[in-house]
Amino acid sequence: MTQVQQGGASGAGLPGAIEIPLKFPLQAGAQRIDKLTLRRGKRADMKAAAKHSADDAEQEDFLFARLTGLTLEDIDALDLADSKTLQDTFRRMVGD
């Protein structure tokens, strides 16, 4: 699995972080993931995503992995319903 490095602490307990319950939990090795914690993004996160890839979808995956602490493989394994919830929550968080 490719672990995306996250600057600083995990999102849990950070001001403005949002917990997202998963309708379809992930199995990451022996760990069951039934909720995500989406921390607030910084400009550095956007810059890192832009350096990761020129492709918009790959940038989004990288950014979501970085903001949730998941791996890119975990992001790929999200059910489409949970992926849409993550996208919608992120957009509300940044005001789009």
N, C-alpha and C. Protein backbone atom coordinates (compact mmCIF):
# COMPACT_ATOMS: atom_id res chain seq x y z
N MET A 1 0.84 -1.18 0.00
CA MET A 1 0.00 0.00 0.00
C MET A 1 0.88 1.24 0.00
N THR A 2 0.46 2.27 -0.72
CA THR A 2 1.19 3.52 -0.75
C THR A 2 0.63 4.43 0.32
N GLN A 3 1.42 4.73 1.31
CA GLN A 3 0.98 5.62 2.37
C GLN A 3 1.25 7.05 1.95
N VAL A 4 0.25 7.90 2.04
CA VAL A 4 0.42 9.31 1.73
C VAL A 4 0.85 10.01 3.01
N GLN A 5 1.96 10.73 2.92
CA GLN A 5 2.46 11.42 4.10
C GLN A 5 1.58 12.62 4.39
N GLN A 6 1.24 12.75 5.65
CA GLN A 6 0.39 13.83 6.09
C GLN A 6 1.21 14.73 6.98
N GLY A 7 1.24 16.01 6.68
CA GLY A 7 1.97 16.93 7.53
C GLY A 7 1.26 17.12 8.85
N GLY A 8 1.94 16.90 9.95
CA GLY A 8 1.35 17.11 11.27
C GLY A 8 0.57 15.92 11.76
N ALA A 9 -0.29 16.16 12.74
CA ALA A 9 -1.05 15.11 13.39
C ALA A 9 -2.21 14.64 12.53
N SER A 10 -2.81 13.53 12.92
CA SER A 10 -3.99 13.06 12.21
C SER A 10 -5.13 14.04 12.44
N GLY A 11 -6.19 13.91 11.66
CA GLY A 11 -7.28 14.86 11.73
C GLY A 11 -8.11 14.80 12.98
N ALA A 12 -8.09 13.68 13.69
CA ALA A 12 -8.95 13.52 14.87
C ALA A 12 -8.64 14.58 15.90
N GLY A 13 -9.67 15.28 16.34
CA GLY A 13 -9.53 16.28 17.38
C GLY A 13 -9.04 17.64 16.91
N LEU A 14 -8.75 17.80 15.63
CA LEU A 14 -8.31 19.09 15.13
C LEU A 14 -9.50 20.00 14.91
N PRO A 15 -9.34 21.31 15.15
CA PRO A 15 -10.44 22.24 14.92
C PRO A 15 -10.92 22.18 13.47
N GLY A 16 -12.21 22.08 13.29
CA GLY A 16 -12.78 22.07 11.95
C GLY A 16 -12.80 20.71 11.28
N ALA A 17 -12.19 19.68 11.89
CA ALA A 17 -12.22 18.34 11.30
C ALA A 17 -13.64 17.79 11.35
N ILE A 18 -14.00 17.00 10.36
CA ILE A 18 -15.35 16.44 10.26
C ILE A 18 -15.26 14.93 10.18
N GLU A 19 -16.06 14.25 10.99
CA GLU A 19 -16.14 12.79 10.92
C GLU A 19 -17.22 12.40 9.91
N ILE A 20 -16.88 11.45 9.06
CA ILE A 20 -17.79 10.99 8.02
C ILE A 20 -18.03 9.50 8.23
N PRO A 21 -19.24 9.11 8.64
CA PRO A 21 -19.53 7.67 8.78
C PRO A 21 -19.62 7.03 7.40
N LEU A 22 -19.06 5.84 7.26
CA LEU A 22 -19.11 5.13 5.98
C LEU A 22 -20.33 4.22 5.93
N LYS A 23 -21.06 4.27 4.83
CA LYS A 23 -22.19 3.35 4.63
C LYS A 23 -21.67 1.95 4.37
N PHE A 24 -20.48 1.87 3.75
CA PHE A 24 -19.87 0.60 3.39
C PHE A 24 -18.43 0.60 3.90
N PRO A 25 -18.23 0.14 5.14
CA PRO A 25 -16.89 0.20 5.76
C PRO A 25 -15.82 -0.48 4.91
N LEU A 26 -14.59 0.01 5.07
CA LEU A 26 -13.42 -0.53 4.39
C LEU A 26 -12.75 -1.57 5.27
N GLN A 27 -12.10 -2.51 4.64
CA GLN A 27 -11.24 -3.45 5.34
C GLN A 27 -9.81 -3.15 4.89
N ALA A 28 -9.00 -2.60 5.78
CA ALA A 28 -7.60 -2.28 5.49
C ALA A 28 -6.73 -3.23 6.29
N GLY A 29 -6.36 -4.35 5.67
CA GLY A 29 -5.63 -5.38 6.40
C GLY A 29 -6.54 -5.97 7.45
N ALA A 30 -6.10 -5.96 8.69
CA ALA A 30 -6.91 -6.48 9.80
C ALA A 30 -7.82 -5.41 10.39
N GLN A 31 -7.69 -4.18 9.91
CA GLN A 31 -8.45 -3.06 10.47
C GLN A 31 -9.71 -2.77 9.66
N ARG A 32 -10.83 -2.64 10.36
CA ARG A 32 -12.09 -2.23 9.73
C ARG A 32 -12.23 -0.73 9.94
N ILE A 33 -12.46 -0.02 8.85
CA ILE A 33 -12.62 1.44 8.91
C ILE A 33 -14.08 1.74 8.65
N ASP A 34 -14.78 2.28 9.67
CA ASP A 34 -16.20 2.56 9.50
C ASP A 34 -16.51 4.05 9.52
N LYS A 35 -15.47 4.88 9.68
CA LYS A 35 -15.66 6.33 9.58
C LYS A 35 -14.34 6.95 9.17
N LEU A 36 -14.43 8.10 8.53
CA LEU A 36 -13.26 8.87 8.13
C LEU A 36 -13.25 10.17 8.91
N THR A 37 -12.09 10.67 9.21
CA THR A 37 -11.96 12.00 9.78
C THR A 37 -11.28 12.86 8.73
N LEU A 38 -12.01 13.86 8.25
CA LEU A 38 -11.51 14.77 7.23
C LEU A 38 -11.04 16.03 7.92
N ARG A 39 -9.71 16.25 7.90
CA ARG A 39 -9.19 17.48 8.51
C ARG A 39 -9.26 18.61 7.49
N ARG A 40 -9.20 19.83 8.00
CA ARG A 40 -9.19 20.98 7.11
C ARG A 40 -7.89 21.02 6.34
N GLY A 41 -7.99 21.33 5.06
CA GLY A 41 -6.81 21.38 4.21
C GLY A 41 -6.08 22.69 4.30
N LYS A 42 -4.84 22.64 3.89
CA LYS A 42 -3.97 23.82 3.84
C LYS A 42 -3.47 23.99 2.41
N ARG A 43 -2.94 25.16 2.09
CA ARG A 43 -2.39 25.39 0.75
C ARG A 43 -1.29 24.38 0.44
N ALA A 44 -0.54 23.99 1.46
CA ALA A 44 0.53 23.00 1.25
C ALA A 44 -0.04 21.69 0.75
N ASP A 45 -1.25 21.32 1.18
CA ASP A 45 -1.88 20.09 0.71
C ASP A 45 -2.20 20.19 -0.78
N MET A 46 -2.71 21.34 -1.21
CA MET A 46 -3.02 21.54 -2.63
C MET A 46 -1.74 21.51 -3.48
N LYS A 47 -0.67 22.12 -2.97
CA LYS A 47 0.60 22.12 -3.69
C LYS A 47 1.14 20.70 -3.83
N ALA A 48 1.05 19.93 -2.75
CA ALA A 48 1.54 18.54 -2.80
C ALA A 48 0.73 17.72 -3.79
N ALA A 49 -0.58 17.94 -3.85
CA ALA A 49 -1.43 17.21 -4.79
C ALA A 49 -1.07 17.57 -6.23
N ALA A 50 -0.80 18.85 -6.47
CA ALA A 50 -0.42 19.29 -7.82
C ALA A 50 0.93 18.68 -8.24
N LYS A 51 1.85 18.54 -7.28
CA LYS A 51 3.14 17.92 -7.59
C LYS A 51 3.00 16.42 -7.81
N HIS A 52 2.02 15.81 -7.16
CA HIS A 52 1.81 14.36 -7.27
C HIS A 52 1.42 13.96 -8.69
N SER A 53 0.53 14.75 -9.32
CA SER A 53 0.04 14.40 -10.66
C SER A 53 -0.58 15.62 -11.32
N ALA A 54 -0.58 15.61 -12.65
CA ALA A 54 -1.27 16.65 -13.41
C ALA A 54 -2.73 16.29 -13.63
N ASP A 55 -3.09 15.02 -13.37
CA ASP A 55 -4.45 14.53 -13.58
C ASP A 55 -5.35 14.94 -12.41
N ASP A 56 -6.49 15.58 -12.71
CA ASP A 56 -7.39 16.08 -11.67
C ASP A 56 -7.89 14.98 -10.73
N ALA A 57 -8.25 13.82 -11.28
CA ALA A 57 -8.77 12.73 -10.45
C ALA A 57 -7.69 12.21 -9.51
N GLU A 58 -6.45 12.09 -10.01
CA GLU A 58 -5.35 11.63 -9.16
C GLU A 58 -5.00 12.66 -8.10
N GLN A 59 -5.11 13.94 -8.44
CA GLN A 59 -4.88 14.99 -7.45
C GLN A 59 -5.93 14.91 -6.34
N GLU A 60 -7.18 14.71 -6.73
CA GLU A 60 -8.25 14.60 -5.74
C GLU A 60 -8.03 13.40 -4.82
N ASP A 61 -7.70 12.25 -5.40
CA ASP A 61 -7.42 11.07 -4.58
C ASP A 61 -6.28 11.33 -3.60
N PHE A 62 -5.21 11.93 -4.09
CA PHE A 62 -4.05 12.23 -3.25
C PHE A 62 -4.45 13.17 -2.12
N LEU A 63 -5.21 14.21 -2.46
CA LEU A 63 -5.64 15.18 -1.46
C LEU A 63 -6.53 14.53 -0.41
N PHE A 64 -7.48 13.70 -0.84
CA PHE A 64 -8.36 13.02 0.12
C PHE A 64 -7.57 12.05 1.00
N ALA A 65 -6.61 11.37 0.42
CA ALA A 65 -5.77 10.48 1.23
C ALA A 65 -5.00 11.29 2.27
N ARG A 66 -4.45 12.39 1.84
CA ARG A 66 -3.67 13.24 2.76
C ARG A 66 -4.54 13.82 3.87
N LEU A 67 -5.75 14.22 3.54
CA LEU A 67 -6.63 14.86 4.53
C LEU A 67 -7.33 13.87 5.46
N THR A 68 -7.39 12.61 5.06
CA THR A 68 -8.03 11.60 5.91
C THR A 68 -7.03 10.67 6.58
N GLY A 69 -5.78 10.65 6.09
CA GLY A 69 -4.79 9.73 6.62
C GLY A 69 -4.87 8.33 6.04
N LEU A 70 -5.72 8.14 5.03
CA LEU A 70 -5.83 6.84 4.37
C LEU A 70 -4.71 6.69 3.34
N THR A 71 -4.55 5.49 2.82
CA THR A 71 -3.63 5.27 1.71
C THR A 71 -4.39 5.53 0.41
N LEU A 72 -3.66 5.67 -0.68
CA LEU A 72 -4.30 5.82 -1.99
C LEU A 72 -5.12 4.57 -2.32
N GLU A 73 -4.63 3.40 -1.93
CA GLU A 73 -5.36 2.16 -2.17
C GLU A 73 -6.68 2.14 -1.40
N ASP A 74 -6.67 2.68 -0.17
CA ASP A 74 -7.90 2.76 0.62
C ASP A 74 -8.91 3.70 -0.06
N ILE A 75 -8.42 4.82 -0.57
CA ILE A 75 -9.31 5.76 -1.28
C ILE A 75 -9.92 5.07 -2.49
N ASP A 76 -9.10 4.30 -3.23
CA ASP A 76 -9.61 3.56 -4.40
C ASP A 76 -10.65 2.52 -4.00
N ALA A 77 -10.56 2.00 -2.79
CA ALA A 77 -11.48 0.96 -2.34
C ALA A 77 -12.79 1.50 -1.78
N LEU A 78 -12.91 2.82 -1.65
CA LEU A 78 -14.17 3.39 -1.14
C LEU A 78 -15.32 3.06 -2.07
N ASP A 79 -16.44 2.70 -1.49
CA ASP A 79 -17.67 2.54 -2.26
C ASP A 79 -18.01 3.90 -2.89
N LEU A 80 -18.62 3.88 -4.06
CA LEU A 80 -18.94 5.14 -4.74
C LEU A 80 -19.84 6.05 -3.91
N ALA A 81 -20.76 5.48 -3.15
CA ALA A 81 -21.63 6.30 -2.29
C ALA A 81 -20.80 7.02 -1.22
N ASP A 82 -19.85 6.30 -0.61
CA ASP A 82 -19.00 6.92 0.40
C ASP A 82 -18.03 7.92 -0.23
N SER A 83 -17.57 7.63 -1.43
CA SER A 83 -16.69 8.55 -2.14
C SER A 83 -17.42 9.86 -2.43
N LYS A 84 -18.67 9.76 -2.85
CA LYS A 84 -19.46 10.97 -3.12
C LYS A 84 -19.67 11.77 -1.84
N THR A 85 -19.93 11.09 -0.74
CA THR A 85 -20.08 11.78 0.55
C THR A 85 -18.80 12.51 0.93
N LEU A 86 -17.65 11.86 0.72
CA LEU A 86 -16.36 12.50 1.00
C LEU A 86 -16.18 13.73 0.12
N GLN A 87 -16.47 13.61 -1.17
CA GLN A 87 -16.35 14.75 -2.09
C GLN A 87 -17.26 15.89 -1.66
N ASP A 88 -18.52 15.57 -1.38
CA ASP A 88 -19.50 16.60 -1.00
C ASP A 88 -19.10 17.29 0.31
N THR A 89 -18.62 16.51 1.27
CA THR A 89 -18.20 17.07 2.55
C THR A 89 -17.01 18.00 2.37
N PHE A 90 -16.04 17.58 1.55
CA PHE A 90 -14.88 18.42 1.27
C PHE A 90 -15.32 19.74 0.62
N ARG A 91 -16.20 19.65 -0.35
CA ARG A 91 -16.65 20.87 -1.05
C ARG A 91 -17.38 21.82 -0.10
N ARG A 92 -18.21 21.26 0.78
CA ARG A 92 -18.88 22.12 1.78
C ARG A 92 -17.85 22.75 2.72
N MET A 93 -16.83 21.97 3.07
CA MET A 93 -15.79 22.46 4.00
C MET A 93 -15.05 23.65 3.40
N VAL A 94 -14.77 23.61 2.10
CA VAL A 94 -14.00 24.70 1.49
C VAL A 94 -14.90 25.77 0.88
N GLY A 95 -16.20 25.56 0.94
CA GLY A 95 -17.12 26.62 0.52
C GLY A 95 -17.47 26.63 -0.94
N ASP A 96 -17.29 25.51 -1.65
CA ASP A 96 -17.71 25.45 -3.06
C ASP A 96 -19.18 25.16 -3.17
